[in-house]
């Protein structure tokens, strides 16, 4: 079973939070908010998307690379660590 199916509930929770952030961004723009407030909302959306991508990518690497013949779990964890720091 794919990790996105197995871990569906926490992933969908992240998507729902993103929807709320996007709605806040839309409301800020429609409400003629100051550009600083709009930029803050954009940064929140970007952070949320990066968190979702990081979670899905980590699951993908662990599920599809570690079981491969000759794959080294420590090397995969190193890649995950690097990606996590890059996506922050």
N, C-alpha and C. Protein backbone atom coordinates (compact mmCIF):
# COMPACT_ATOMS: atom_id res chain seq x y z
N UNK A 1 0.84 -1.18 0.00
CA UNK A 1 0.00 0.00 0.00
C UNK A 1 0.89 1.24 0.00
N UNK A 2 0.59 2.16 -0.88
CA UNK A 2 1.39 3.39 -1.00
C UNK A 2 1.28 4.23 0.26
N UNK A 3 2.35 4.92 0.59
CA UNK A 3 2.38 5.73 1.81
C UNK A 3 1.36 6.87 1.77
N UNK A 4 1.03 7.38 0.58
CA UNK A 4 0.04 8.45 0.51
C UNK A 4 -1.36 7.92 0.83
N UNK A 5 -1.58 6.64 0.62
CA UNK A 5 -2.85 6.02 0.98
C UNK A 5 -2.85 5.68 2.47
N UNK A 6 -1.76 5.08 2.92
CA UNK A 6 -1.64 4.68 4.32
C UNK A 6 -1.66 5.90 5.25
N UNK A 7 -1.00 6.98 4.85
CA UNK A 7 -0.89 8.19 5.66
C UNK A 7 -1.86 9.28 5.20
N UNK A 8 -2.98 8.87 4.67
CA UNK A 8 -3.93 9.80 4.06
C UNK A 8 -4.43 10.85 5.04
N UNK A 9 -4.79 10.47 6.26
CA UNK A 9 -5.40 11.40 7.20
C UNK A 9 -4.49 12.59 7.52
N UNK A 10 -3.22 12.38 7.92
CA UNK A 10 -2.38 13.55 8.21
C UNK A 10 -2.09 14.39 6.96
N UNK A 11 -2.01 13.76 5.80
CA UNK A 11 -1.78 14.52 4.57
C UNK A 11 -2.99 15.39 4.25
N UNK A 12 -4.18 14.82 4.41
CA UNK A 12 -5.40 15.60 4.15
C UNK A 12 -5.55 16.74 5.16
N UNK A 13 -5.12 16.51 6.40
CA UNK A 13 -5.14 17.59 7.39
C UNK A 13 -4.25 18.74 6.95
N UNK A 14 -3.08 18.42 6.41
CA UNK A 14 -2.18 19.47 5.91
C UNK A 14 -2.82 20.23 4.75
N UNK A 15 -3.48 19.49 3.86
CA UNK A 15 -4.14 20.13 2.72
C UNK A 15 -5.26 21.05 3.20
N UNK A 16 -6.01 20.62 4.20
CA UNK A 16 -7.08 21.47 4.73
C UNK A 16 -6.52 22.75 5.35
N UNK A 17 -5.39 22.63 6.06
CA UNK A 17 -4.75 23.82 6.61
C UNK A 17 -4.31 24.75 5.49
N UNK A 18 -3.77 24.17 4.41
CA UNK A 18 -3.36 24.98 3.26
C UNK A 18 -4.57 25.70 2.65
N UNK A 19 -5.69 25.00 2.56
CA UNK A 19 -6.89 25.64 2.03
C UNK A 19 -7.28 26.83 2.89
N UNK A 20 -7.18 26.69 4.20
CA UNK A 20 -7.48 27.80 5.10
C UNK A 20 -6.52 28.96 4.90
N UNK A 21 -5.24 28.64 4.73
CA UNK A 21 -4.24 29.69 4.49
C UNK A 21 -4.51 30.40 3.17
N UNK A 22 -4.85 29.64 2.14
CA UNK A 22 -5.16 30.26 0.85
C UNK A 22 -6.41 31.12 0.93
N UNK A 23 -7.39 30.68 1.70
CA UNK A 23 -8.60 31.48 1.88
C UNK A 23 -8.26 32.78 2.60
N UNK A 24 -7.37 32.71 3.59
CA UNK A 24 -6.94 33.93 4.29
C UNK A 24 -6.19 34.87 3.36
N UNK A 25 -5.40 34.30 2.47
CA UNK A 25 -4.67 35.10 1.50
C UNK A 25 -5.65 35.80 0.55
N UNK A 26 -6.62 35.05 0.07
CA UNK A 26 -7.63 35.63 -0.82
C UNK A 26 -8.38 36.77 -0.12
N UNK A 27 -8.76 36.52 1.13
CA UNK A 27 -9.49 37.54 1.89
C UNK A 27 -8.62 38.78 2.13
N UNK A 28 -7.33 38.57 2.35
CA UNK A 28 -6.43 39.70 2.57
C UNK A 28 -6.33 40.55 1.31
N UNK A 29 -6.26 39.90 0.17
CA UNK A 29 -6.16 40.65 -1.09
C UNK A 29 -7.49 41.34 -1.40
N UNK A 30 -8.59 40.61 -1.24
CA UNK A 30 -9.90 41.21 -1.50
C UNK A 30 -10.20 42.34 -0.51
N UNK A 31 -9.72 42.20 0.71
CA UNK A 31 -9.98 43.22 1.72
C UNK A 31 -9.02 44.37 1.67
N UNK A 32 -8.22 44.40 0.63
CA UNK A 32 -7.27 45.50 0.41
C UNK A 32 -6.30 45.66 1.59
N UNK A 33 -5.81 44.54 2.09
CA UNK A 33 -4.83 44.56 3.19
C UNK A 33 -3.52 45.16 2.72
N UNK A 34 -2.76 45.60 3.68
CA UNK A 34 -1.42 46.13 3.39
C UNK A 34 -0.56 45.02 2.78
N UNK A 35 0.40 45.43 1.98
CA UNK A 35 1.24 44.44 1.29
C UNK A 35 2.02 43.58 2.29
N UNK A 36 2.37 44.11 3.45
CA UNK A 36 3.08 43.33 4.45
C UNK A 36 2.25 42.15 4.93
N UNK A 37 0.95 42.38 5.14
CA UNK A 37 0.05 41.30 5.57
C UNK A 37 -0.12 40.26 4.46
N UNK A 38 -0.19 40.72 3.22
CA UNK A 38 -0.32 39.80 2.08
C UNK A 38 0.94 38.96 1.95
N UNK A 39 2.10 39.60 2.09
CA UNK A 39 3.36 38.85 2.01
C UNK A 39 3.46 37.82 3.13
N UNK A 40 2.98 38.16 4.30
CA UNK A 40 3.00 37.21 5.41
C UNK A 40 2.13 36.00 5.11
N UNK A 41 0.96 36.23 4.52
CA UNK A 41 0.08 35.13 4.14
C UNK A 41 0.72 34.27 3.05
N UNK A 42 1.38 34.89 2.10
CA UNK A 42 2.06 34.13 1.03
C UNK A 42 3.16 33.26 1.64
N UNK A 43 3.91 33.80 2.58
CA UNK A 43 4.97 33.03 3.23
C UNK A 43 4.38 31.85 3.99
N UNK A 44 3.23 32.03 4.63
CA UNK A 44 2.58 30.94 5.35
C UNK A 44 2.16 29.83 4.38
N UNK A 45 1.61 30.23 3.24
CA UNK A 45 1.20 29.24 2.23
C UNK A 45 2.42 28.48 1.72
N UNK A 46 3.49 29.22 1.42
CA UNK A 46 4.71 28.57 0.92
C UNK A 46 5.25 27.59 1.96
N UNK A 47 5.27 27.97 3.22
CA UNK A 47 5.73 27.08 4.27
C UNK A 47 4.88 25.83 4.38
N UNK A 48 3.58 26.00 4.26
CA UNK A 48 2.68 24.86 4.31
C UNK A 48 2.88 23.90 3.15
N UNK A 49 3.06 24.44 1.96
CA UNK A 49 3.30 23.60 0.78
C UNK A 49 4.64 22.88 0.92
N UNK A 50 5.64 23.58 1.40
CA UNK A 50 6.95 22.94 1.60
C UNK A 50 6.87 21.81 2.63
N UNK A 51 6.09 22.02 3.69
CA UNK A 51 5.92 20.97 4.69
C UNK A 51 5.23 19.75 4.12
N UNK A 52 4.20 19.98 3.32
CA UNK A 52 3.49 18.87 2.67
C UNK A 52 4.41 18.13 1.71
N UNK A 53 5.15 18.88 0.90
CA UNK A 53 6.06 18.25 -0.05
C UNK A 53 7.12 17.43 0.68
N UNK A 54 7.65 17.98 1.76
CA UNK A 54 8.67 17.29 2.53
C UNK A 54 8.13 15.97 3.08
N UNK A 55 6.93 16.00 3.62
CA UNK A 55 6.34 14.79 4.19
C UNK A 55 6.13 13.72 3.13
N UNK A 56 5.57 14.11 1.99
CA UNK A 56 5.31 13.14 0.92
C UNK A 56 6.63 12.63 0.33
N UNK A 57 7.59 13.50 0.14
CA UNK A 57 8.88 13.10 -0.43
C UNK A 57 9.64 12.16 0.51
N UNK A 58 9.62 12.45 1.79
CA UNK A 58 10.28 11.57 2.75
C UNK A 58 9.65 10.18 2.73
N UNK A 59 8.34 10.13 2.72
CA UNK A 59 7.65 8.84 2.64
C UNK A 59 7.98 8.11 1.36
N UNK A 60 8.06 8.84 0.27
CA UNK A 60 8.39 8.24 -1.02
C UNK A 60 9.79 7.63 -0.99
N UNK A 61 10.75 8.38 -0.50
CA UNK A 61 12.12 7.88 -0.44
C UNK A 61 12.22 6.64 0.44
N UNK A 62 11.60 6.70 1.60
CA UNK A 62 11.68 5.57 2.53
C UNK A 62 10.97 4.34 2.00
N UNK A 63 9.87 4.54 1.30
CA UNK A 63 9.10 3.39 0.83
C UNK A 63 9.64 2.80 -0.46
N UNK A 64 10.15 3.65 -1.35
CA UNK A 64 10.54 3.15 -2.67
C UNK A 64 12.03 2.93 -2.84
N UNK A 65 12.86 3.55 -2.01
CA UNK A 65 14.31 3.35 -2.15
C UNK A 65 14.86 2.33 -1.17
N UNK A 66 14.39 2.34 0.06
CA UNK A 66 14.93 1.43 1.07
C UNK A 66 14.66 -0.03 0.72
N UNK A 67 13.45 -0.38 0.27
CA UNK A 67 13.23 -1.80 -0.04
C UNK A 67 13.99 -2.29 -1.28
N UNK A 68 14.56 -1.39 -2.06
CA UNK A 68 15.24 -1.80 -3.29
C UNK A 68 16.47 -2.63 -2.95
N UNK A 69 16.75 -3.65 -3.75
CA UNK A 69 17.94 -4.47 -3.51
C UNK A 69 19.20 -3.62 -3.53
N UNK A 70 20.02 -3.78 -2.53
CA UNK A 70 21.28 -3.03 -2.46
C UNK A 70 21.14 -1.64 -1.90
N UNK A 71 19.92 -1.23 -1.58
CA UNK A 71 19.72 0.12 -1.03
C UNK A 71 20.20 0.15 0.42
N UNK A 72 20.84 1.23 0.78
CA UNK A 72 21.35 1.41 2.13
C UNK A 72 20.43 2.36 2.88
N UNK A 73 19.80 1.87 3.95
CA UNK A 73 18.84 2.69 4.71
C UNK A 73 19.50 3.93 5.27
N UNK A 74 20.77 3.84 5.68
CA UNK A 74 21.46 5.01 6.23
C UNK A 74 21.64 6.09 5.17
N UNK A 75 21.95 5.68 3.95
CA UNK A 75 22.10 6.65 2.87
C UNK A 75 20.79 7.35 2.56
N UNK A 76 19.70 6.58 2.58
CA UNK A 76 18.39 7.17 2.33
C UNK A 76 18.06 8.17 3.44
N UNK A 77 18.35 7.84 4.69
CA UNK A 77 18.09 8.77 5.79
C UNK A 77 18.94 10.03 5.66
N UNK A 78 20.16 9.91 5.15
CA UNK A 78 21.00 11.09 4.90
C UNK A 78 20.36 11.99 3.84
N UNK A 79 19.84 11.38 2.79
CA UNK A 79 19.17 12.15 1.73
C UNK A 79 17.94 12.84 2.31
N UNK A 80 17.17 12.13 3.12
CA UNK A 80 15.98 12.71 3.74
C UNK A 80 16.37 13.90 4.62
N UNK A 81 17.45 13.77 5.38
CA UNK A 81 17.91 14.85 6.24
C UNK A 81 18.30 16.09 5.43
N UNK A 82 19.00 15.86 4.33
CA UNK A 82 19.42 16.98 3.47
C UNK A 82 18.20 17.65 2.85
N UNK A 83 17.27 16.87 2.35
CA UNK A 83 16.06 17.42 1.75
C UNK A 83 15.26 18.21 2.78
N UNK A 84 15.13 17.68 3.98
CA UNK A 84 14.39 18.37 5.03
C UNK A 84 15.00 19.74 5.31
N UNK A 85 16.32 19.80 5.38
CA UNK A 85 16.96 21.09 5.64
C UNK A 85 16.84 22.04 4.45
N UNK A 86 16.86 21.50 3.25
CA UNK A 86 16.72 22.31 2.04
C UNK A 86 15.32 22.91 1.92
N UNK A 87 14.31 22.14 2.31
CA UNK A 87 12.92 22.58 2.13
C UNK A 87 12.43 23.49 3.25
N UNK A 88 13.23 23.73 4.27
CA UNK A 88 12.80 24.63 5.36
C UNK A 88 12.68 26.04 4.90
